[in-house]
Amino acid sequence: MDWLISTAAAQAQGASGQPSALTSFLPLILIFVVFYFLLIRPQTKRAKEHRAMIAALEVGAEVVTNGGILGKVT
């Protein structure tokens, strides 16, 4: 019990004030940056490539759907 009281007293003496707002939000900001580079950015890149591919299609072009069905653009 004495160890617990001395540890609590040492922590109370060592705490000089509240951490800054930046320190509090830094982990949240880092998580957002990681999600952006791992999830959002690649998805938007694939969507942009997909839109470019669709825009490049011409009438009569042969295509294969995601389900494996062959077809022609009319």
PDB file of N, CA and C in Angstrom:
ATOM      1  N   MET A   1       0.821  -1.181   0.000  1.00  0.00           N
ATOM      2  CA  MET A   1       0.000   0.000   0.000  1.00  0.00           C
ATOM      3  C   MET A   1       0.870   1.251   0.000  1.00  0.00           C
ATOM      4  N   ASP A   2       1.976   1.171   0.745  1.00  0.00           N
ATOM      5  CA  ASP A   2       2.884   2.316   0.815  1.00  0.00           C
ATOM      6  C   ASP A   2       3.470   2.615  -0.564  1.00  0.00           C
ATOM      7  N   TRP A   3       3.730   1.570  -1.341  1.00  0.00           N
ATOM      8  CA  TRP A   3       4.287   1.747  -2.694  1.00  0.00           C
ATOM      9  C   TRP A   3       3.298   2.507  -3.582  1.00  0.00           C
ATOM     10  N   LEU A   4       2.024   2.196  -3.480  1.00  0.00           N
ATOM     11  CA  LEU A   4       0.990   2.850  -4.275  1.00  0.00           C
ATOM     12  C   LEU A   4       0.887   4.335  -3.933  1.00  0.00           C
ATOM     13  N   ILE A   5       0.973   4.660  -2.660  1.00  0.00           N
ATOM     14  CA  ILE A   5       0.880   6.061  -2.237  1.00  0.00           C
ATOM     15  C   ILE A   5       2.095   6.842  -2.711  1.00  0.00           C
ATOM     16  N   SER A   6       3.280   6.254  -2.604  1.00  0.00           N
ATOM     17  CA  SER A   6       4.483   6.969  -3.040  1.00  0.00           C
ATOM     18  C   SER A   6       4.497   7.144  -4.558  1.00  0.00           C
ATOM     19  N   THR A   7       3.981   6.181  -5.297  1.00  0.00           N
ATOM     20  CA  THR A   7       3.905   6.302  -6.753  1.00  0.00           C
ATOM     21  C   THR A   7       2.929   7.406  -7.143  1.00  0.00           C
ATOM     22  N   ALA A   8       1.797   7.470  -6.490  1.00  0.00           N
ATOM     23  CA  ALA A   8       0.811   8.509  -6.781  1.00  0.00           C
ATOM     24  C   ALA A   8       1.363   9.886  -6.445  1.00  0.00           C
ATOM     25  N   ALA A   9       2.096  10.001  -5.359  1.00  0.00           N
ATOM     26  CA  ALA A   9       2.676  11.286  -4.973  1.00  0.00           C
ATOM     27  C   ALA A   9       3.739  11.714  -5.975  1.00  0.00           C
ATOM     28  N   ALA A  10       4.534  10.771  -6.467  1.00  0.00           N
ATOM     29  CA  ALA A  10       5.572  11.094  -7.447  1.00  0.00           C
ATOM     30  C   ALA A  10       4.947  11.547  -8.760  1.00  0.00           C
ATOM     31  N   GLN A  11       3.856  10.928  -9.145  1.00  0.00           N
ATOM     32  CA  GLN A  11       3.181  11.334 -10.377  1.00  0.00           C
ATOM     33  C   GLN A  11       2.563  12.716 -10.227  1.00  0.00           C
ATOM     34  N   ALA A  12       2.032  13.009  -9.069  1.00  0.00           N
ATOM     35  CA  ALA A  12       1.416  14.314  -8.841  1.00  0.00           C
ATOM     36  C   ALA A  12       2.464  15.417  -8.868  1.00  0.00           C
ATOM     37  N   GLN A  13       3.644  15.147  -8.351  1.00  0.00           N
ATOM     38  CA  GLN A  13       4.707  16.144  -8.359  1.00  0.00           C
ATOM     39  C   GLN A  13       5.277  16.328  -9.754  1.00  0.00           C
ATOM     40  N   GLY A  14       5.327  15.261 -10.535  1.00  0.00           N
ATOM     41  CA  GLY A  14       5.907  15.326 -11.871  1.00  0.00           C
ATOM     42  C   GLY A  14       4.998  15.987 -12.885  1.00  0.00           C
ATOM     43  N   ALA A  15       3.710  15.985 -12.659  1.00  0.00           N
ATOM     44  CA  ALA A  15       2.772  16.578 -13.614  1.00  0.00           C
ATOM     45  C   ALA A  15       2.772  18.087 -13.440  1.00  0.00           C
ATOM     46  N   SER A  16       3.295  18.787 -14.434  1.00  0.00           N
ATOM     47  CA  SER A  16       3.407  20.238 -14.315  1.00  0.00           C
ATOM     48  C   SER A  16       2.235  20.968 -14.961  1.00  0.00           C
ATOM     49  N   GLY A  17       1.491  20.306 -15.841  1.00  0.00           N
ATOM     50  CA  GLY A  17       0.381  20.985 -16.493  1.00  0.00           C
ATOM     51  C   GLY A  17      -0.272  20.094 -17.522  1.00  0.00           C
ATOM     52  N   GLN A  18      -1.214  20.671 -18.233  1.00  0.00           N
ATOM     53  CA  GLN A  18      -1.926  19.941 -19.271  1.00  0.00           C
ATOM     54  C   GLN A  18      -1.089  19.883 -20.545  1.00  0.00           C
ATOM     55  N   PRO A  19      -1.178  18.777 -21.286  1.00  0.00           N
ATOM     56  CA  PRO A  19      -0.478  18.723 -22.574  1.00  0.00           C
ATOM     57  C   PRO A  19      -1.131  19.677 -23.571  1.00  0.00           C
ATOM     58  N   SER A  20      -0.366  20.084 -24.552  1.00  0.00           N
ATOM     59  CA  SER A  20      -0.899  21.023 -25.538  1.00  0.00           C
ATOM     60  C   SER A  20      -1.946  20.338 -26.416  1.00  0.00           C
ATOM     61  N   ALA A  21      -2.717  21.139 -27.113  1.00  0.00           N
ATOM     62  CA  ALA A  21      -3.766  20.604 -27.983  1.00  0.00           C
ATOM     63  C   ALA A  21      -3.165  19.794 -29.123  1.00  0.00           C
ATOM     64  N   LEU A  22      -2.019  20.228 -29.631  1.00  0.00           N
ATOM     65  CA  LEU A  22      -1.364  19.498 -30.715  1.00  0.00           C
ATOM     66  C   LEU A  22      -0.948  18.107 -30.259  1.00  0.00           C
ATOM     67  N   THR A  23      -0.435  18.001 -29.050  1.00  0.00           N
ATOM     68  CA  THR A  23      -0.030  16.701 -28.519  1.00  0.00           C
ATOM     69  C   THR A  23      -1.234  15.782 -28.362  1.00  0.00           C
ATOM     70  N   SER A  24      -2.363  16.342 -28.007  1.00  0.00           N
ATOM     71  CA  SER A  24      -3.565  15.531 -27.828  1.00  0.00           C
ATOM     72  C   SER A  24      -4.106  15.020 -29.163  1.00  0.00           C
ATOM     73  N   PHE A  25      -4.031  15.851 -30.203  1.00  0.00           N
ATOM     74  CA  PHE A  25      -4.601  15.477 -31.494  1.00  0.00           C
ATOM     75  C   PHE A  25      -3.601  14.818 -32.435  1.00  0.00           C
ATOM     76  N   LEU A  26      -2.334  14.766 -32.075  1.00  0.00           N
ATOM     77  CA  LEU A  26      -1.315  14.202 -32.953  1.00  0.00           C
ATOM     78  C   LEU A  26      -1.595  12.744 -33.328  1.00  0.00           C
ATOM     79  N   PRO A  27      -1.952  11.853 -32.404  1.00  0.00           N
ATOM     80  CA  PRO A  27      -2.267  10.474 -32.817  1.00  0.00           C
ATOM     81  C   PRO A  27      -3.442  10.402 -33.787  1.00  0.00           C
ATOM     82  N   LEU A  28      -4.462  11.220 -33.573  1.00  0.00           N
ATOM     83  CA  LEU A  28      -5.619  11.236 -34.462  1.00  0.00           C
ATOM     84  C   LEU A  28      -5.224  11.712 -35.857  1.00  0.00           C
ATOM     85  N   ILE A  29      -4.388  12.724 -35.920  1.00  0.00           N
ATOM     86  CA  ILE A  29      -3.915  13.238 -37.204  1.00  0.00           C
ATOM     87  C   ILE A  29      -3.079  12.186 -37.921  1.00  0.00           C
ATOM     88  N   LEU A  30      -2.212  11.502 -37.187  1.00  0.00           N
ATOM     89  CA  LEU A  30      -1.383  10.457 -37.800  1.00  0.00           C
ATOM     90  C   LEU A  30      -2.232   9.311 -38.344  1.00  0.00           C
ATOM     91  N   ILE A  31      -3.263   8.922 -37.626  1.00  0.00           N
ATOM     92  CA  ILE A  31      -4.150   7.856 -38.094  1.00  0.00           C
ATOM     93  C   ILE A  31      -4.853   8.285 -39.374  1.00  0.00           C
ATOM     94  N   PHE A  32      -5.313   9.537 -39.432  1.00  0.00           N
ATOM     95  CA  PHE A  32      -5.970  10.037 -40.638  1.00  0.00           C
ATOM     96  C   PHE A  32      -5.008  10.022 -41.826  1.00  0.00           C
ATOM     97  N   VAL A  33      -3.760  10.412 -41.614  1.00  0.00           N
ATOM     98  CA  VAL A  33      -2.769  10.422 -42.700  1.00  0.00           C
ATOM     99  C   VAL A  33      -2.520   9.004 -43.201  1.00  0.00           C
ATOM    100  N   VAL A  34      -2.407   8.052 -42.294  1.00  0.00           N
ATOM    101  CA  VAL A  34      -2.190   6.657 -42.690  1.00  0.00           C
ATOM    102  C   VAL A  34      -3.389   6.145 -43.487  1.00  0.00           C
ATOM    103  N   PHE A  35      -4.601   6.406 -43.029  1.00  0.00           N
ATOM    104  CA  PHE A  35      -5.793   5.991 -43.769  1.00  0.00           C
ATOM    105  C   PHE A  35      -5.836   6.635 -45.147  1.00  0.00           C
ATOM    106  N   TYR A  36      -5.437   7.890 -45.238  1.00  0.00           N
ATOM    107  CA  TYR A  36      -5.454   8.574 -46.529  1.00  0.00           C
ATOM    108  C   TYR A  36      -4.532   7.871 -47.512  1.00  0.00           C
ATOM    109  N   PHE A  37      -3.302   7.574 -47.095  1.00  0.00           N
ATOM    110  CA  PHE A  37      -2.344   6.981 -48.022  1.00  0.00           C
ATOM    111  C   PHE A  37      -2.592   5.495 -48.274  1.00  0.00           C
ATOM    112  N   LEU A  38      -3.232   4.798 -47.351  1.00  0.00           N
ATOM    113  CA  LEU A  38      -3.471   3.365 -47.547  1.00  0.00           C
ATOM    114  C   LEU A  38      -4.834   3.050 -48.158  1.00  0.00           C
ATOM    115  N   LEU A  39      -5.829   3.895 -47.956  1.00  0.00           N
ATOM    116  CA  LEU A  39      -7.174   3.579 -48.430  1.00  0.00           C
ATOM    117  C   LEU A  39      -7.729   4.590 -49.427  1.00  0.00           C
ATOM    118  N   ILE A  40      -7.737   5.845 -49.081  1.00  0.00           N
ATOM    119  CA  ILE A  40      -8.424   6.846 -49.898  1.00  0.00           C
ATOM    120  C   ILE A  40      -7.673   7.139 -51.188  1.00  0.00           C
ATOM    121  N   ARG A  41      -6.389   7.385 -51.099  1.00  0.00           N
ATOM    122  CA  ARG A  41      -5.614   7.758 -52.289  1.00  0.00           C
ATOM    123  C   ARG A  41      -5.594   6.656 -53.349  1.00  0.00           C
ATOM    124  N   PRO A  42      -5.321   5.387 -52.998  1.00  0.00           N
ATOM    125  CA  PRO A  42      -5.358   4.345 -54.032  1.00  0.00           C
ATOM    126  C   PRO A  42      -6.745   4.172 -54.659  1.00  0.00           C
ATOM    127  N   GLN A  43      -7.795   4.331 -53.870  1.00  0.00           N
ATOM    128  CA  GLN A  43      -9.150   4.181 -54.402  1.00  0.00           C
ATOM    129  C   GLN A  43      -9.457   5.280 -55.410  1.00  0.00           C
ATOM    130  N   THR A  44      -9.083   6.511 -55.123  1.00  0.00           N
ATOM    131  CA  THR A  44      -9.333   7.592 -56.075  1.00  0.00           C
ATOM    132  C   THR A  44      -8.485   7.429 -57.328  1.00  0.00           C
ATOM    133  N   LYS A  45      -7.286   6.879 -57.171  1.00  0.00           N
ATOM    134  CA  LYS A  45      -6.426   6.635 -58.340  1.00  0.00           C
ATOM    135  C   LYS A  45      -7.060   5.584 -59.251  1.00  0.00           C
ATOM    136  N   ARG A  46      -7.579   4.491 -58.660  1.00  0.00           N
ATOM    137  CA  ARG A  46      -8.240   3.456 -59.459  1.00  0.00           C
ATOM    138  C   ARG A  46      -9.490   4.001 -60.133  1.00  0.00           C
ATOM    139  N   ALA A  47     -10.249   4.834 -59.434  1.00  0.00           N
ATOM    140  CA  ALA A  47     -11.458   5.417 -60.022  1.00  0.00           C
ATOM    141  C   ALA A  47     -11.105   6.324 -61.195  1.00  0.00           C
ATOM    142  N   LYS A  48     -10.033   7.075 -61.079  1.00  0.00           N
ATOM    143  CA  LYS A  48      -9.598   7.958 -62.166  1.00  0.00           C
ATOM    144  C   LYS A  48      -9.173   7.135 -63.383  1.00  0.00           C
ATOM    145  N   GLU A  49      -8.427   6.051 -63.154  1.00  0.00           N
ATOM    146  CA  GLU A  49      -8.015   5.172 -64.256  1.00  0.00           C
ATOM    147  C   GLU A  49      -9.238   4.526 -64.906  1.00  0.00           C
ATOM    148  N   HIS A  50     -10.226   4.141 -64.108  1.00  0.00           N
ATOM    149  CA  HIS A  50     -11.442   3.518 -64.627  1.00  0.00           C
ATOM    150  C   HIS A  50     -12.219   4.496 -65.501  1.00  0.00           C
ATOM    151  N   ARG A  51     -12.348   5.747 -65.045  1.00  0.00           N
ATOM    152  CA  ARG A  51     -13.035   6.765 -65.848  1.00  0.00           C
ATOM    153  C   ARG A  51     -12.307   7.013 -67.165  1.00  0.00           C
ATOM    154  N   ALA A  52     -10.963   7.013 -67.128  1.00  0.00           N
ATOM    155  CA  ALA A  52     -10.184   7.218 -68.353  1.00  0.00           C
ATOM    156  C   ALA A  52     -10.379   6.050 -69.316  1.00  0.00           C
ATOM    157  N   MET A  53     -10.443   4.823 -68.790  1.00  0.00           N
ATOM    158  CA  MET A  53     -10.644   3.651 -69.636  1.00  0.00           C
ATOM    159  C   MET A  53     -12.029   3.694 -70.287  1.00  0.00           C
ATOM    160  N   ILE A  54     -13.044   4.063 -69.527  1.00  0.00           N
ATOM    161  CA  ILE A  54     -14.399   4.140 -70.074  1.00  0.00           C
ATOM    162  C   ILE A  54     -14.486   5.236 -71.135  1.00  0.00           C
ATOM    163  N   ALA A  55     -13.822   6.351 -70.904  1.00  0.00           N
ATOM    164  CA  ALA A  55     -13.845   7.445 -71.878  1.00  0.00           C
ATOM    165  C   ALA A  55     -13.135   7.051 -73.170  1.00  0.00           C
ATOM    166  N   ALA A  56     -12.182   6.124 -73.097  1.00  0.00           N
ATOM    167  CA  ALA A  56     -11.427   5.713 -74.277  1.00  0.00           C
ATOM    168  C   ALA A  56     -12.141   4.638 -75.092  1.00  0.00           C
ATOM    169  N   LEU A  57     -13.232   4.075 -74.574  1.00  0.00           N
ATOM    170  CA  LEU A  57     -13.955   3.037 -75.316  1.00  0.00           C
ATOM    171  C   LEU A  57     -14.619   3.624 -76.556  1.00  0.00           C
ATOM    172  N   GLU A  58     -14.612   2.843 -77.617  1.00  0.00           N
ATOM    173  CA  GLU A  58     -15.243   3.251 -78.872  1.00  0.00           C
ATOM    174  C   GLU A  58     -16.290   2.222 -79.263  1.00  0.00           C
ATOM    175  N   VAL A  59     -17.171   2.608 -80.137  1.00  0.00           N
ATOM    176  CA  VAL A  59     -18.194   1.691 -80.636  1.00  0.00           C
ATOM    177  C   VAL A  59     -17.499   0.551 -81.365  1.00  0.00           C
ATOM    178  N   GLY A  60     -17.904  -0.671 -81.044  1.00  0.00           N
ATOM    179  CA  GLY A  60     -17.331  -1.852 -81.674  1.00  0.00           C
ATOM    180  C   GLY A  60     -16.185  -2.472 -80.888  1.00  0.00           C
ATOM    181  N   ALA A  61     -15.750  -1.840 -79.821  1.00  0.00           N
ATOM    182  CA  ALA A  61     -14.662  -2.396 -79.011  1.00  0.00           C
ATOM    183  C   ALA A  61     -15.166  -3.609 -78.239  1.00  0.00           C
ATOM    184  N   GLU A  62     -14.332  -4.640 -78.173  1.00  0.00           N
ATOM    185  CA  GLU A  62     -14.692  -5.832 -77.413  1.00  0.00           C
ATOM    186  C   GLU A  62     -14.259  -5.638 -75.968  1.00  0.00           C
ATOM    187  N   VAL A  63     -15.154  -5.989 -75.058  1.00  0.00           N
ATOM    188  CA  VAL A  63     -14.894  -5.807 -73.633  1.00  0.00           C
ATOM    189  C   VAL A  63     -15.212  -7.093 -72.883  1.00  0.00           C
ATOM    190  N   VAL A  64     -14.641  -7.217 -71.697  1.00  0.00           N
ATOM    191  CA  VAL A  64     -14.935  -8.321 -70.790  1.00  0.00           C
ATOM    192  C   VAL A  64     -15.400  -7.697 -69.480  1.00  0.00           C
ATOM    193  N   THR A  65     -16.577  -8.084 -69.008  1.00  0.00           N
ATOM    194  CA  THR A  65     -17.101  -7.534 -67.759  1.00  0.00           C
ATOM    195  C   THR A  65     -16.402  -8.176 -66.573  1.00  0.00           C
ATOM    196  N   ASN A  66     -16.665  -7.650 -65.381  1.00  0.00           N
ATOM    197  CA  ASN A  66     -16.092  -8.235 -64.170  1.00  0.00           C
ATOM    198  C   ASN A  66     -16.566  -9.665 -63.963  1.00  0.00           C
ATOM    199  N   GLY A  67     -17.757  -9.964 -64.458  1.00  0.00           N
ATOM    200  CA  GLY A  67     -18.298 -11.316 -64.331  1.00  0.00           C
ATOM    201  C   GLY A  67     -17.766 -12.282 -65.372  1.00  0.00           C
ATOM    202  N   GLY A  68     -16.960 -11.786 -66.323  1.00  0.00           N
ATOM    203  CA  GLY A  68     -16.366 -12.645 -67.338  1.00  0.00           C
ATOM    204  C   GLY A  68     -17.173 -12.731 -68.617  1.00  0.00           C
ATOM    205  N   ILE A  69     -18.188 -11.923 -68.773  1.00  0.00           N
ATOM    206  CA  ILE A  69     -19.022 -11.945 -69.971  1.00  0.00           C
ATOM    207  C   ILE A  69     -18.358 -11.109 -71.056  1.00  0.00           C
ATOM    208  N   LEU A  70     -18.251 -11.703 -72.255  1.00  0.00           N
ATOM    209  CA  LEU A  70     -17.676 -10.991 -73.388  1.00  0.00           C
ATOM    210  C   LEU A  70     -18.766 -10.195 -74.083  1.00  0.00           C
ATOM    211  N   GLY A  71     -18.388  -9.023 -74.599  1.00  0.00           N
ATOM    212  CA  GLY A  71     -19.381  -8.212 -75.285  1.00  0.00           C
ATOM    213  C   GLY A  71     -18.733  -7.182 -76.181  1.00  0.00           C
ATOM    214  N   LYS A  72     -19.580  -6.490 -76.938  1.00  0.00           N
ATOM    215  CA  LYS A  72     -19.132  -5.416 -77.818  1.00  0.00           C
ATOM    216  C   LYS A  72     -19.854  -4.142 -77.436  1.00  0.00           C
ATOM    217  N   VAL A  73     -19.140  -3.032 -77.520  1.00  0.00           N
ATOM    218  CA  VAL A  73     -19.739  -1.731 -77.243  1.00  0.00           C
ATOM    219  C   VAL A  73     -20.551  -1.323 -78.459  1.00  0.00           C
ATOM    220  N   THR A  74     -21.817  -0.973 -78.241  1.00  0.00           N
ATOM    221  CA  THR A  74     -22.670  -0.560 -79.366  1.00  0.00           C
ATOM    222  C   THR A  74     -23.016   0.903 -79.282  1.00  0.00           C
TER     223      THR A  74
END
